[in-house]
Amino acid sequence: MALRPVSRTLGVVLTLLMTVGMATLGAARAEAAFTFAAAGDFNQTSETAASLASAVSGTDFFLALGDLSYGNVGEEAIWCDFVKSYVGSSYPFELISGNHDADNADGFIRNFAACLPDHLGSTGDYGVEYYFDYQGLVRVIMIAPNLTIDGANYEYVQGNSHYNWLSSKIDEARAQGIKWVVVGMHKNCITMGIKSCEIGSDLMGLLISKRVDLVLQGHDHVYQRSKQLTCATEGSYSASCVADDGADNAYTQGAGTVFVVAGMVGTGLYTIDTGDSEAGYFTKWMGDNINPTHGYVKFAVSQNQISAQFVRTSGGTFSDSFTITSSGGTPPDTIPPAVVTTLRPLTTP
C-alpha cells in the first residue's frame, strides 16, 4: 500500500524532469538560431588552412573581411580553389574587398567574386557594397571604405551617396524590425596595432551614432575587442565615450557599438602597442608580441543575444568571448548628438 504514493511521486518527478528537459532543449535551440564566422587577412598558409577547416564546421556562413590571396592578378582562381577545398563550393563564403584586392593590388575583388560568388541573396554590389538579411534576425552590411575599385572611390563622407546608402540600410533594418545590425569592412579607425584611422571620421561617427550593434574589421593583423562606445576620438582616449567597458564580457544592446578587429586568419601578425593613445578604447587584444594566435571569431545569433568566441586554430593560446544581450526593447535609431564626439578630419592615404 505504501508503494502507490511513492510510485505516484516518482511519476510526477519524472514528468517534471521530462518537461524541464524538453523546455531546456527548446530554449537551447532557440538560443542559437544560427552561427557565422568572420575574419580577414588570409593568404594561403597552413594557418589559413587550419582556420578554414575549423570555421566551416558548425557555421552557416563566413564573412571574409578582405585581403584575400596576397597573390597576383590572374591567379585569383588558384586561391578560390584553395578556399573551396576546405569549405566546398556551396558554403556561403561572403567577400568584401581589402586594399590588397582593390585596383592595382594583389588580385582583384571582381575576379574573387566570380569564383566565390554570393550564396545569400545579397542586394547591392557583391564584394564592394552590399547587404543581406539572415533569418529575419540580422542585417549584415558589407562595405569597402577608403578603397578604389573599377576607378570609383568608396569614401563614406557625410552627404555623399555611399554615406547615405549605408545610413538608409541601417535605418531600413530597424524599421523592418530586424533585431541586429552588423557592419563588416576591411579597414579600421581606432586600433592598438600599426594602422591609422583610414575609414574616416564621418563613417566612424555614423556607425556609432546609428548604434550599429557590431562592427567587424580586418587590416591590422591582430585581434582587438573594443569597449562599447558612444563616441571615439582618433589619437586620444576619452573615458566619457565608454558606455560599458566589457570587463565582464557582457554588453547590453543599444548602449553603444562594439568593434572587433580580426585580421589574424593566416597571414603574419603585427604587434600590439599597449601604450597606444587609443588603447583605452579596448578591453581585449592579441598580436605578434602578445600570445600570437591565429584563428577566427565565431558568432551565435538568437533573438535575444549575439554570443562571440575567438576560435584558436594555430599558434598561441589566446582566447576571448563576449555577449551582446537584448534589453527587450527596440534599439533607438541614433545616439543623441550631444554624446557623439566629432573626430578630427583625416588625410586619406
Protein backbone atom coordinates (compact mmCIF):
# COMPACT_ATOMS: atom_id res chain seq x y z
CA MET A 1 0.00 0.00 0.00
CA ALA A 2 2.89 2.36 0.75
CA LEU A 3 4.31 1.86 -2.75
CA ARG A 4 1.45 3.64 -4.50
CA PRO A 5 2.22 7.14 -3.18
CA VAL A 6 5.91 6.60 -3.93
CA SER A 7 5.05 5.44 -7.45
CA ARG A 8 2.81 8.44 -8.00
CA THR A 9 5.52 10.74 -6.63
CA LEU A 10 8.13 9.13 -8.87
CA GLY A 11 5.85 9.55 -11.87
CA VAL A 12 5.31 13.21 -11.09
CA VAL A 13 9.05 13.76 -10.69
CA LEU A 14 9.81 12.01 -13.97
CA THR A 15 7.14 14.04 -15.73
CA LEU A 16 8.58 17.24 -14.32
CA LEU A 17 12.07 16.24 -15.31
CA MET A 18 10.95 15.45 -18.84
CA THR A 19 9.07 18.76 -19.06
CA VAL A 20 12.05 20.72 -17.79
CA GLY A 21 14.36 18.78 -20.10
CA MET A 22 12.21 19.48 -23.15
CA ALA A 23 11.90 23.14 -22.19
CA THR A 24 15.66 23.38 -21.75
CA LEU A 25 16.23 21.71 -25.11
CA GLY A 26 13.76 24.07 -26.73
CA ALA A 27 15.46 27.06 -25.13
CA ALA A 28 18.85 25.83 -26.29
CA ARG A 29 17.58 25.50 -29.84
CA ALA A 30 16.06 28.98 -29.69
CA GLU A 31 19.19 30.42 -28.10
CA ALA A 32 21.33 29.95 -31.22
CA ALA A 33 19.22 30.34 -34.33
CA PHE A 34 22.35 30.30 -36.46
CA THR A 35 26.10 30.82 -36.31
CA PHE A 36 28.61 32.54 -38.56
CA ALA A 37 32.35 33.15 -38.66
CA ALA A 38 34.28 36.31 -39.51
CA ALA A 39 37.90 37.35 -40.01
CA GLY A 40 40.21 38.88 -42.58
CA ASP A 41 43.77 38.84 -43.93
CA PHE A 42 44.01 35.28 -45.25
CA ASN A 43 46.94 34.47 -47.53
CA GLN A 44 47.46 30.79 -48.36
CA THR A 45 49.35 29.35 -45.41
CA SER A 46 48.99 26.35 -43.14
CA GLU A 47 47.44 28.74 -40.61
CA THR A 48 44.87 29.80 -43.22
CA ALA A 49 44.07 26.17 -43.96
CA ALA A 50 43.56 25.37 -40.28
CA SER A 51 41.22 28.33 -39.84
CA LEU A 52 39.14 27.46 -42.92
CA ALA A 53 38.86 23.80 -41.98
CA SER A 54 37.65 24.72 -38.50
CA ALA A 55 35.32 27.54 -39.47
CA VAL A 56 33.23 25.61 -41.98
CA SER A 57 32.23 23.08 -39.33
CA GLY A 58 29.14 24.25 -37.49
CA THR A 59 28.71 27.69 -39.08
CA ASP A 60 26.15 28.86 -41.61
CA PHE A 61 28.33 31.40 -43.40
CA PHE A 62 31.71 33.17 -43.27
CA LEU A 63 32.33 36.92 -43.61
CA ALA A 64 35.72 37.29 -45.30
CA LEU A 65 36.91 40.76 -44.29
CA GLY A 66 39.29 41.50 -47.14
CA ASP A 67 42.95 40.96 -48.10
CA LEU A 68 42.40 37.56 -49.58
CA SER A 69 45.24 35.93 -51.50
CA TYR A 70 48.12 38.47 -51.43
CA GLY A 71 48.85 36.97 -54.86
CA ASN A 72 48.82 38.28 -58.40
CA VAL A 73 46.07 39.45 -60.70
CA GLY A 74 45.06 36.47 -62.84
CA GLU A 75 45.74 33.95 -60.08
CA GLU A 76 42.57 34.57 -58.09
CA ALA A 77 41.07 31.21 -59.11
CA ILE A 78 44.02 29.39 -57.52
CA TRP A 79 43.20 30.94 -54.17
CA CYS A 80 39.49 30.33 -54.67
CA ASP A 81 40.17 26.65 -55.28
CA PHE A 82 42.29 26.58 -52.13
CA VAL A 83 39.38 28.01 -50.13
CA LYS A 84 36.82 25.69 -51.72
CA SER A 85 38.99 22.68 -50.94
CA TYR A 86 38.11 23.36 -47.29
CA VAL A 87 34.66 24.98 -47.38
CA GLY A 88 33.19 23.43 -50.53
CA SER A 89 31.58 25.15 -53.49
CA SER A 90 28.16 25.88 -51.96
CA TYR A 91 29.12 27.15 -48.50
CA PRO A 92 28.41 30.92 -48.25
CA PHE A 93 31.89 32.42 -48.13
CA GLU A 94 30.91 36.09 -48.43
CA LEU A 95 33.58 38.51 -49.61
CA ILE A 96 34.41 42.16 -49.15
CA SER A 97 37.40 43.87 -50.72
CA GLY A 98 40.51 44.80 -48.80
CA ASN A 99 43.31 47.04 -50.01
CA HIS A 100 45.14 44.00 -51.43
CA ASP A 101 42.04 43.21 -53.52
CA ALA A 102 41.31 46.68 -54.94
CA ASP A 103 42.56 48.38 -58.11
CA ASN A 104 46.25 47.80 -58.91
CA ALA A 105 46.70 45.43 -55.98
CA ASP A 106 47.42 41.72 -55.39
CA GLY A 107 44.43 40.08 -57.02
CA PHE A 108 41.15 41.81 -57.87
CA ILE A 109 37.88 41.60 -55.97
CA ARG A 110 35.79 41.17 -59.15
CA ASN A 111 37.74 38.04 -60.02
CA PHE A 112 37.45 36.68 -56.48
CA ALA A 113 33.70 37.38 -56.54
CA ALA A 114 33.37 35.45 -59.79
CA CYS A 115 34.88 32.27 -58.34
CA LEU A 116 33.48 32.66 -54.79
CA PRO A 117 30.04 34.11 -55.58
CA ASP A 118 27.33 35.26 -53.21
CA HIS A 119 25.13 32.46 -51.83
CA LEU A 120 22.87 34.50 -49.55
CA GLY A 121 20.77 36.53 -51.98
CA SER A 122 22.59 39.77 -51.30
CA THR A 123 21.43 43.15 -52.56
CA GLY A 124 23.93 45.65 -53.99
CA ASP A 125 27.42 45.28 -55.43
CA TYR A 126 28.71 41.98 -54.05
CA GLY A 127 32.28 42.22 -52.83
CA VAL A 128 32.20 46.01 -52.67
CA GLU A 129 29.00 47.43 -51.14
CA TYR A 130 26.06 45.15 -50.37
CA TYR A 131 23.84 43.72 -47.65
CA PHE A 132 21.79 40.67 -46.80
CA ASP A 133 19.25 39.75 -44.13
CA TYR A 134 19.54 36.34 -42.50
CA GLN A 135 16.55 34.55 -40.95
CA GLY A 136 14.96 37.92 -40.25
CA LEU A 137 17.27 38.35 -37.25
CA VAL A 138 20.33 40.12 -38.58
CA ARG A 139 21.18 42.56 -41.35
CA VAL A 140 24.79 42.25 -42.46
CA ILE A 141 26.10 45.24 -44.40
CA MET A 142 29.49 44.89 -46.12
CA ILE A 143 31.38 47.97 -47.35
CA ALA A 144 34.83 48.85 -48.73
CA PRO A 145 35.73 52.29 -47.36
CA ASN A 146 38.87 54.13 -48.45
CA LEU A 147 39.33 51.84 -51.48
CA THR A 148 39.26 52.43 -55.24
CA ILE A 149 37.52 49.73 -57.26
CA ASP A 150 36.96 49.95 -61.02
CA GLY A 151 38.16 53.54 -60.77
CA ALA A 152 35.44 54.51 -58.27
CA ASN A 153 36.45 55.83 -54.84
CA TYR A 154 34.48 54.35 -51.96
CA GLU A 155 34.59 57.13 -49.41
CA TYR A 156 31.86 57.46 -46.77
CA VAL A 157 31.63 61.20 -46.24
CA GLN A 158 28.55 62.83 -44.76
CA GLY A 159 26.08 63.64 -47.51
CA ASN A 160 27.64 61.61 -50.32
CA SER A 161 25.92 58.65 -51.98
CA HIS A 162 27.84 55.92 -50.15
CA TYR A 163 27.26 57.50 -46.74
CA ASN A 164 23.55 57.98 -47.49
CA TRP A 165 23.21 54.41 -48.76
CA LEU A 166 24.73 52.96 -45.60
CA SER A 167 22.65 55.20 -43.34
CA SER A 168 19.44 54.24 -45.15
CA LYS A 169 20.17 50.50 -44.96
CA ILE A 170 20.73 50.71 -41.20
CA ASP A 171 17.52 52.69 -40.75
CA GLU A 172 15.62 50.31 -43.02
CA ALA A 173 16.69 47.31 -40.96
CA ARG A 174 15.47 48.96 -37.77
CA ALA A 175 12.16 49.96 -39.40
CA GLN A 176 11.60 46.38 -40.57
CA GLY A 177 12.11 45.04 -37.06
CA ILE A 178 15.37 43.24 -37.82
CA LYS A 179 16.91 42.60 -34.43
CA TRP A 180 20.65 43.02 -35.08
CA VAL A 181 22.74 45.18 -37.41
CA VAL A 182 26.30 44.07 -38.21
CA VAL A 183 28.62 46.07 -40.48
CA GLY A 184 31.71 44.43 -41.96
CA MET A 185 34.66 46.09 -43.71
CA HIS A 186 38.40 45.73 -44.11
CA LYS A 187 39.95 48.95 -42.83
CA ASN A 188 39.99 50.47 -39.34
CA CYS A 189 39.81 53.70 -37.43
CA ILE A 190 40.77 53.23 -33.78
CA THR A 191 43.34 50.49 -33.18
CA MET A 192 46.25 49.45 -30.95
CA GLY A 193 48.01 47.97 -33.99
CA ILE A 194 50.06 49.70 -36.66
CA LYS A 195 47.24 51.18 -38.76
CA SER A 196 45.65 54.63 -38.61
CA CYS A 197 42.08 55.85 -38.99
CA GLU A 198 41.73 55.14 -42.70
CA ILE A 199 37.92 54.83 -42.91
CA GLY A 200 37.44 58.48 -41.97
CA SER A 201 35.75 60.30 -39.13
CA ASP A 202 32.35 60.60 -40.83
CA LEU A 203 31.95 56.85 -41.24
CA MET A 204 33.16 56.15 -37.71
CA GLY A 205 30.68 58.68 -36.35
CA LEU A 206 27.82 57.24 -38.42
CA LEU A 207 28.38 53.67 -37.21
CA ILE A 208 28.35 54.80 -33.60
CA SER A 209 25.51 57.31 -33.87
CA LYS A 210 23.29 54.69 -35.52
CA ARG A 211 24.06 52.26 -32.70
CA VAL A 212 25.25 49.53 -35.02
CA ASP A 213 25.48 46.52 -32.72
CA LEU A 214 28.73 45.10 -34.06
CA VAL A 215 31.42 46.37 -36.45
CA LEU A 216 33.80 43.75 -37.89
CA GLN A 217 37.17 44.75 -39.40
CA GLY A 218 40.49 43.31 -40.55
CA HIS A 219 43.54 45.17 -41.97
CA ASP A 220 45.53 45.24 -38.73
CA HIS A 221 46.88 41.68 -38.39
CA VAL A 222 45.84 41.39 -34.76
CA TYR A 223 42.75 40.74 -32.66
CA GLN A 224 41.10 43.55 -30.69
CA ARG A 225 37.74 43.84 -28.98
CA SER A 226 36.59 47.32 -28.06
CA LYS A 227 34.60 48.55 -25.17
CA GLN A 228 31.04 49.54 -26.03
CA LEU A 229 31.40 53.04 -27.41
CA THR A 230 29.16 56.08 -27.76
CA CYS A 231 31.95 58.11 -29.39
CA ALA A 232 35.65 57.86 -30.20
CA THR A 233 38.42 60.31 -30.91
CA GLU A 234 41.29 59.33 -33.15
CA GLY A 235 44.65 59.76 -31.44
CA SER A 236 43.35 60.12 -27.89
CA TYR A 237 41.16 58.35 -25.35
CA SER A 238 38.05 59.80 -23.77
CA ALA A 239 36.52 57.83 -20.89
CA SER A 240 33.20 59.58 -21.47
CA CYS A 241 32.90 57.65 -24.76
CA VAL A 242 32.61 54.31 -22.94
CA ALA A 243 29.12 53.02 -22.21
CA ASP A 244 30.37 49.62 -21.00
CA ASP A 245 34.00 48.61 -20.53
CA GLY A 246 33.25 44.95 -21.35
CA ALA A 247 35.37 43.71 -18.44
CA ASP A 248 32.68 41.15 -17.61
CA ASN A 249 32.48 40.16 -21.31
CA ALA A 250 28.83 41.23 -21.45
CA TYR A 251 27.23 44.18 -23.20
CA THR A 252 23.61 45.36 -23.50
CA GLN A 253 22.21 46.10 -26.93
CA GLY A 254 21.59 49.75 -27.70
CA ALA A 255 24.06 51.20 -25.22
CA GLY A 256 26.73 51.70 -27.88
CA THR A 257 28.77 49.97 -30.59
CA VAL A 258 31.31 47.16 -30.23
CA PHE A 259 34.24 46.98 -32.68
CA VAL A 260 36.11 43.75 -33.38
CA VAL A 261 39.35 43.83 -35.37
CA ALA A 262 40.03 40.28 -36.58
CA GLY A 263 42.91 40.24 -39.06
CA MET A 264 44.52 37.02 -37.89
CA VAL A 265 43.30 34.19 -40.15
CA GLY A 266 46.57 33.16 -41.71
CA THR A 267 48.99 35.89 -42.71
CA GLY A 268 51.78 37.21 -40.47
CA LEU A 269 50.69 39.05 -37.32
CA TYR A 270 51.50 42.63 -36.33
CA THR A 271 52.49 43.93 -32.91
CA ILE A 272 50.13 45.46 -30.37
CA ASP A 273 51.10 48.72 -28.68
CA THR A 274 49.63 48.72 -25.19
CA GLY A 275 50.83 52.29 -24.78
CA ASP A 276 48.92 53.49 -27.83
CA SER A 277 46.87 56.64 -27.32
CA GLU A 278 43.73 54.74 -28.35
CA ALA A 279 44.38 51.71 -26.11
CA GLY A 280 41.77 52.87 -23.60
CA TYR A 281 39.01 52.07 -26.10
CA PHE A 282 39.82 48.34 -26.00
CA THR A 283 39.29 45.60 -23.46
CA LYS A 284 40.93 42.54 -25.12
CA TRP A 285 43.81 42.23 -27.60
CA MET A 286 46.34 39.86 -29.15
CA GLY A 287 49.22 40.35 -31.58
CA ASP A 288 52.64 39.15 -32.64
CA ASN A 289 54.14 40.34 -29.34
CA ILE A 290 51.25 39.20 -27.11
CA ASN A 291 50.33 35.50 -27.27
CA PRO A 292 50.32 35.34 -31.11
CA THR A 293 47.42 33.12 -32.16
CA HIS A 294 45.72 32.52 -35.50
CA GLY A 295 42.02 31.83 -35.86
CA TYR A 296 38.66 33.49 -36.46
CA VAL A 297 35.67 34.76 -34.50
CA LYS A 298 32.52 32.66 -34.27
CA PHE A 299 29.15 34.28 -33.57
CA ALA A 300 25.96 32.58 -32.40
CA VAL A 301 22.86 34.69 -33.04
CA SER A 302 19.43 34.47 -31.46
CA GLN A 303 16.55 36.84 -30.93
CA ASN A 304 17.91 37.82 -27.53
CA GLN A 305 21.67 37.64 -27.88
CA ILE A 306 24.80 37.64 -30.02
CA SER A 307 27.44 35.41 -28.46
CA ALA A 308 31.02 35.67 -29.77
CA GLN A 309 34.05 33.42 -29.32
CA PHE A 310 37.61 33.72 -30.58
CA VAL A 311 38.40 30.30 -32.04
CA ARG A 312 42.09 29.43 -31.91
CA THR A 313 43.27 27.28 -34.83
CA SER A 314 47.08 27.53 -34.55
CA GLY A 315 49.84 29.33 -32.70
CA GLY A 316 49.39 30.53 -29.13
CA THR A 317 46.70 30.10 -26.53
CA PHE A 318 44.78 33.37 -26.77
CA SER A 319 41.04 33.21 -26.08
CA ASP A 320 38.17 35.66 -25.81
CA SER A 321 34.40 35.56 -25.64
CA PHE A 322 31.63 38.07 -25.11
CA THR A 323 27.90 38.60 -25.48
CA ILE A 324 25.61 41.40 -26.56
CA THR A 325 22.21 40.85 -24.99
CA SER A 326 18.94 42.49 -25.91
CA SER A 327 17.35 44.68 -23.28
CA GLY A 328 13.95 43.65 -24.63
CA GLY A 329 13.16 46.94 -26.34
CA THR A 330 13.84 48.31 -29.79
CA PRO A 331 17.27 49.94 -30.12
CA PRO A 332 16.99 53.68 -30.72
CA ASP A 333 17.84 54.90 -34.19
CA THR A 334 20.63 57.19 -33.05
CA ILE A 335 22.59 58.24 -30.04
CA PRO A 336 21.67 61.80 -29.04
CA PRO A 337 24.08 64.11 -30.89
CA ALA A 338 25.28 65.65 -27.65
CA VAL A 339 27.21 62.48 -26.74
CA VAL A 340 28.85 61.90 -30.12
CA THR A 341 32.41 63.19 -30.22
CA THR A 342 33.41 64.61 -33.59
CA LEU A 343 36.61 63.06 -34.85
CA ARG A 344 39.38 65.18 -36.26
CA PRO A 345 39.41 65.42 -40.08
CA LEU A 346 41.83 62.92 -41.55
CA THR A 347 44.05 62.88 -44.59
CA THR A 348 43.19 59.96 -46.83
CA PRO A 349 46.32 57.90 -47.54
